């Protein structure tokens, strides 16, 4: 089992998130809300099913998935996409396919989670600290 399973990570800093959301077509009001919250992320595992829960004062969402298997996902901004997630060491890579394909790489360590979100030429890095 990966060392990050069951750990919680809280957003500490975010670079270029507004530009990333703009590229996705997220409206100004939702972007302001997205920029103002500091969500907590936790990954749990039950057998071969993983669940990633993101909790904030604005919204809580959870996705359940099996590594390497495509699944339907509704993103925090309401888009419907097909996602596939792979695990390489302590790095979860998520490919979202839809109108605006994007990649989300989550790299876990004991003390932090570095999430890199990419859509087209726009890249956002969000740093979470273990809590």
C-alpha atoms as a PDB file:
ATOM      1  CA  UNK A   1       0.000   0.000   0.000  1.00  0.00           C
ATOM      2  CA  UNK A   2       1.297   3.463  -0.917  1.00  0.00           C
ATOM      3  CA  UNK A   3       2.533   5.591   2.000  1.00  0.00           C
ATOM      4  CA  UNK A   4       0.081   8.426   1.259  1.00  0.00           C
ATOM      5  CA  UNK A   5      -3.038   6.288   1.728  1.00  0.00           C
ATOM      6  CA  UNK A   6      -5.142   7.669   4.578  1.00  0.00           C
ATOM      7  CA  UNK A   7      -3.073  10.854   4.962  1.00  0.00           C
ATOM      8  CA  UNK A   8      -4.656  14.291   4.652  1.00  0.00           C
ATOM      9  CA  UNK A   9      -3.045  17.169   2.784  1.00  0.00           C
ATOM     10  CA  UNK A  10      -4.236  20.797   3.016  1.00  0.00           C
ATOM     11  CA  UNK A  11      -3.632  23.366   0.281  1.00  0.00           C
ATOM     12  CA  UNK A  12      -0.860  25.768   1.237  1.00  0.00           C
ATOM     13  CA  UNK A  13      -0.062  27.620  -1.998  1.00  0.00           C
ATOM     14  CA  UNK A  14      -1.316  27.746  -5.540  1.00  0.00           C
ATOM     15  CA  UNK A  15       0.349  29.076  -8.677  1.00  0.00           C
ATOM     16  CA  UNK A  16      -1.582  29.933 -11.862  1.00  0.00           C
ATOM     17  CA  UNK A  17      -4.853  28.300 -10.732  1.00  0.00           C
ATOM     18  CA  UNK A  18      -6.946  31.206 -12.038  1.00  0.00           C
ATOM     19  CA  UNK A  19      -5.407  30.839 -15.517  1.00  0.00           C
ATOM     20  CA  UNK A  20      -5.989  27.078 -15.412  1.00  0.00           C
ATOM     21  CA  UNK A  21      -9.671  27.571 -14.510  1.00  0.00           C
ATOM     22  CA  UNK A  22     -10.033  30.236 -17.252  1.00  0.00           C
ATOM     23  CA  UNK A  23      -8.640  27.780 -19.802  1.00  0.00           C
ATOM     24  CA  UNK A  24     -11.272  25.257 -18.676  1.00  0.00           C
ATOM     25  CA  UNK A  25     -13.988  27.851 -19.255  1.00  0.00           C
ATOM     26  CA  UNK A  26     -14.838  28.359 -15.569  1.00  0.00           C
ATOM     27  CA  UNK A  27     -16.785  31.582 -14.993  1.00  0.00           C
ATOM     28  CA  UNK A  28     -15.515  34.457 -12.864  1.00  0.00           C
ATOM     29  CA  UNK A  29     -17.697  33.781  -9.789  1.00  0.00           C
ATOM     30  CA  UNK A  30     -16.670  30.103  -9.625  1.00  0.00           C
ATOM     31  CA  UNK A  31     -13.004  31.089 -10.154  1.00  0.00           C
ATOM     32  CA  UNK A  32     -13.191  33.551  -7.237  1.00  0.00           C
ATOM     33  CA  UNK A  33     -14.627  30.803  -5.012  1.00  0.00           C
ATOM     34  CA  UNK A  34     -12.050  28.290  -6.251  1.00  0.00           C
ATOM     35  CA  UNK A  35      -9.219  30.700  -5.516  1.00  0.00           C
ATOM     36  CA  UNK A  36     -10.488  31.537  -2.028  1.00  0.00           C
ATOM     37  CA  UNK A  37     -10.680  28.032  -0.523  1.00  0.00           C
ATOM     38  CA  UNK A  38      -7.932  25.806   0.866  1.00  0.00           C
ATOM     39  CA  UNK A  39      -9.176  22.270   0.272  1.00  0.00           C
ATOM     40  CA  UNK A  40      -7.966  19.136   2.026  1.00  0.00           C
ATOM     41  CA  UNK A  41      -7.253  16.017  -0.065  1.00  0.00           C
ATOM     42  CA  UNK A  42      -7.291  12.434   1.233  1.00  0.00           C
ATOM     43  CA  UNK A  43      -6.836   9.165  -0.673  1.00  0.00           C
ATOM     44  CA  UNK A  44      -8.175   5.954   0.856  1.00  0.00           C
ATOM     45  CA  UNK A  45      -8.066   2.402  -0.436  1.00  0.00           C
ATOM     46  CA  UNK A  46     -10.455  -0.529  -0.103  1.00  0.00           C
ATOM     47  CA  UNK A  47      -9.119  -3.584  -1.931  1.00  0.00           C
ATOM     48  CA  UNK A  48      -8.266  -2.389  -5.439  1.00  0.00           C
ATOM     49  CA  UNK A  49     -10.617   0.612  -5.282  1.00  0.00           C
ATOM     50  CA  UNK A  50      -9.206   4.009  -4.382  1.00  0.00           C
ATOM     51  CA  UNK A  51     -11.257   7.007  -3.263  1.00  0.00           C
ATOM     52  CA  UNK A  52      -9.935  10.555  -3.469  1.00  0.00           C
ATOM     53  CA  UNK A  53     -11.918  13.006  -1.328  1.00  0.00           C
ATOM     54  CA  UNK A  54     -11.486  16.766  -1.629  1.00  0.00           C
ATOM     55  CA  UNK A  55     -13.064  18.761   1.199  1.00  0.00           C
ATOM     56  CA  UNK A  56     -13.449  22.536   1.495  1.00  0.00           C
ATOM     57  CA  UNK A  57     -15.837  25.046   3.017  1.00  0.00           C
ATOM     58  CA  UNK A  58     -17.282  25.481  -0.498  1.00  0.00           C
ATOM     59  CA  UNK A  59     -17.723  21.891  -1.673  1.00  0.00           C
ATOM     60  CA  UNK A  60     -16.835  18.294  -0.903  1.00  0.00           C
ATOM     61  CA  UNK A  61     -16.320  15.840  -3.722  1.00  0.00           C
ATOM     62  CA  UNK A  62     -15.103  12.274  -3.973  1.00  0.00           C
ATOM     63  CA  UNK A  63     -14.087  10.082  -6.885  1.00  0.00           C
ATOM     64  CA  UNK A  64     -13.672   6.321  -6.654  1.00  0.00           C
ATOM     65  CA  UNK A  65     -11.529   4.494  -9.181  1.00  0.00           C
ATOM     66  CA  UNK A  66      -9.447   1.457  -9.977  1.00  0.00           C
ATOM     67  CA  UNK A  67      -5.972   2.037 -11.352  1.00  0.00           C
ATOM     68  CA  UNK A  68      -5.809   1.866 -15.138  1.00  0.00           C
ATOM     69  CA  UNK A  69      -9.612   1.659 -15.592  1.00  0.00           C
ATOM     70  CA  UNK A  70     -11.510   4.490 -17.284  1.00  0.00           C
ATOM     71  CA  UNK A  71     -14.378   5.973 -15.275  1.00  0.00           C
ATOM     72  CA  UNK A  72     -16.963   8.733 -15.621  1.00  0.00           C
ATOM     73  CA  UNK A  73     -16.274  11.824 -13.517  1.00  0.00           C
ATOM     74  CA  UNK A  74     -18.077  15.072 -12.870  1.00  0.00           C
ATOM     75  CA  UNK A  75     -15.413  17.664 -12.108  1.00  0.00           C
ATOM     76  CA  UNK A  76     -15.695  20.290  -9.354  1.00  0.00           C
ATOM     77  CA  UNK A  77     -16.698  22.834 -12.007  1.00  0.00           C
ATOM     78  CA  UNK A  78     -19.453  20.555 -13.356  1.00  0.00           C
ATOM     79  CA  UNK A  79     -17.795  19.188 -16.517  1.00  0.00           C
ATOM     80  CA  UNK A  80     -18.453  15.568 -17.440  1.00  0.00           C
ATOM     81  CA  UNK A  81     -15.236  13.789 -18.401  1.00  0.00           C
ATOM     82  CA  UNK A  82     -13.783  10.309 -18.769  1.00  0.00           C
ATOM     83  CA  UNK A  83     -10.771   9.814 -16.501  1.00  0.00           C
ATOM     84  CA  UNK A  84      -8.089   7.199 -16.112  1.00  0.00           C
ATOM     85  CA  UNK A  85      -5.617   7.186 -13.210  1.00  0.00           C
ATOM     86  CA  UNK A  86      -2.306   5.363 -12.956  1.00  0.00           C
ATOM     87  CA  UNK A  87       0.073   4.978 -10.017  1.00  0.00           C
ATOM     88  CA  UNK A  88       3.859   5.062 -10.337  1.00  0.00           C
ATOM     89  CA  UNK A  89       5.525   4.929  -6.917  1.00  0.00           C
ATOM     90  CA  UNK A  90       3.978   7.846  -4.991  1.00  0.00           C
ATOM     91  CA  UNK A  91       2.733   9.622  -8.126  1.00  0.00           C
ATOM     92  CA  UNK A  92      -0.906   9.435  -9.271  1.00  0.00           C
ATOM     93  CA  UNK A  93      -1.399  10.593 -12.868  1.00  0.00           C
ATOM     94  CA  UNK A  94      -4.935  11.397 -14.009  1.00  0.00           C
ATOM     95  CA  UNK A  95      -5.843  11.903 -17.660  1.00  0.00           C
ATOM     96  CA  UNK A  96      -9.196  13.662 -18.138  1.00  0.00           C
ATOM     97  CA  UNK A  97     -10.771  13.292 -21.580  1.00  0.00           C
ATOM     98  CA  UNK A  98     -13.590  15.563 -22.673  1.00  0.00           C
ATOM     99  CA  UNK A  99     -14.140  18.876 -24.467  1.00  0.00           C
ATOM    100  CA  UNK A 100     -10.953  20.169 -22.820  1.00  0.00           C
ATOM    101  CA  UNK A 101      -8.534  17.307 -22.120  1.00  0.00           C
ATOM    102  CA  UNK A 102      -6.275  17.846 -19.130  1.00  0.00           C
ATOM    103  CA  UNK A 103      -3.682  16.027 -17.043  1.00  0.00           C
ATOM    104  CA  UNK A 104      -3.394  16.110 -13.261  1.00  0.00           C
ATOM    105  CA  UNK A 105      -0.247  14.720 -11.650  1.00  0.00           C
ATOM    106  CA  UNK A 106      -0.296  14.291  -7.874  1.00  0.00           C
ATOM    107  CA  UNK A 107       3.089  13.588  -6.312  1.00  0.00           C
ATOM    108  CA  UNK A 108       2.910  12.562  -2.659  1.00  0.00           C
ATOM    109  CA  UNK A 109       5.600  12.593   0.030  1.00  0.00           C
ATOM    110  CA  UNK A 110       5.371  12.221   3.797  1.00  0.00           C
ATOM    111  CA  UNK A 111       5.167  15.984   4.262  1.00  0.00           C
ATOM    112  CA  UNK A 112       3.481  17.324   1.119  1.00  0.00           C
ATOM    113  CA  UNK A 113       1.486  16.760  -2.036  1.00  0.00           C
ATOM    114  CA  UNK A 114       2.488  18.612  -5.208  1.00  0.00           C
ATOM    115  CA  UNK A 115      -0.341  18.700  -7.749  1.00  0.00           C
ATOM    116  CA  UNK A 116       0.467  19.812 -11.303  1.00  0.00           C
ATOM    117  CA  UNK A 117      -2.551  20.538 -13.513  1.00  0.00           C
ATOM    118  CA  UNK A 118      -2.027  20.993 -17.249  1.00  0.00           C
ATOM    119  CA  UNK A 119      -4.442  21.957 -20.005  1.00  0.00           C
ATOM    120  CA  UNK A 120      -3.026  22.963 -23.374  1.00  0.00           C
ATOM    121  CA  UNK A 121      -0.122  25.339 -22.683  1.00  0.00           C
ATOM    122  CA  UNK A 122      -1.411  26.340 -19.220  1.00  0.00           C
ATOM    123  CA  UNK A 123       0.210  24.735 -16.178  1.00  0.00           C
ATOM    124  CA  UNK A 124      -0.810  25.197 -12.542  1.00  0.00           C
ATOM    125  CA  UNK A 125       1.061  23.940  -9.471  1.00  0.00           C
ATOM    126  CA  UNK A 126      -0.715  23.533  -6.141  1.00  0.00           C
ATOM    127  CA  UNK A 127       1.232  22.612  -3.003  1.00  0.00           C
ATOM    128  CA  UNK A 128      -0.475  20.860  -0.093  1.00  0.00           C
ATOM    129  CA  UNK A 129       1.072  20.180   3.330  1.00  0.00           C
ATOM    130  CA  UNK A 130       0.373  17.023   5.335  1.00  0.00           C
ATOM    131  CA  UNK A 131      -1.929  17.694   8.299  1.00  0.00           C
END
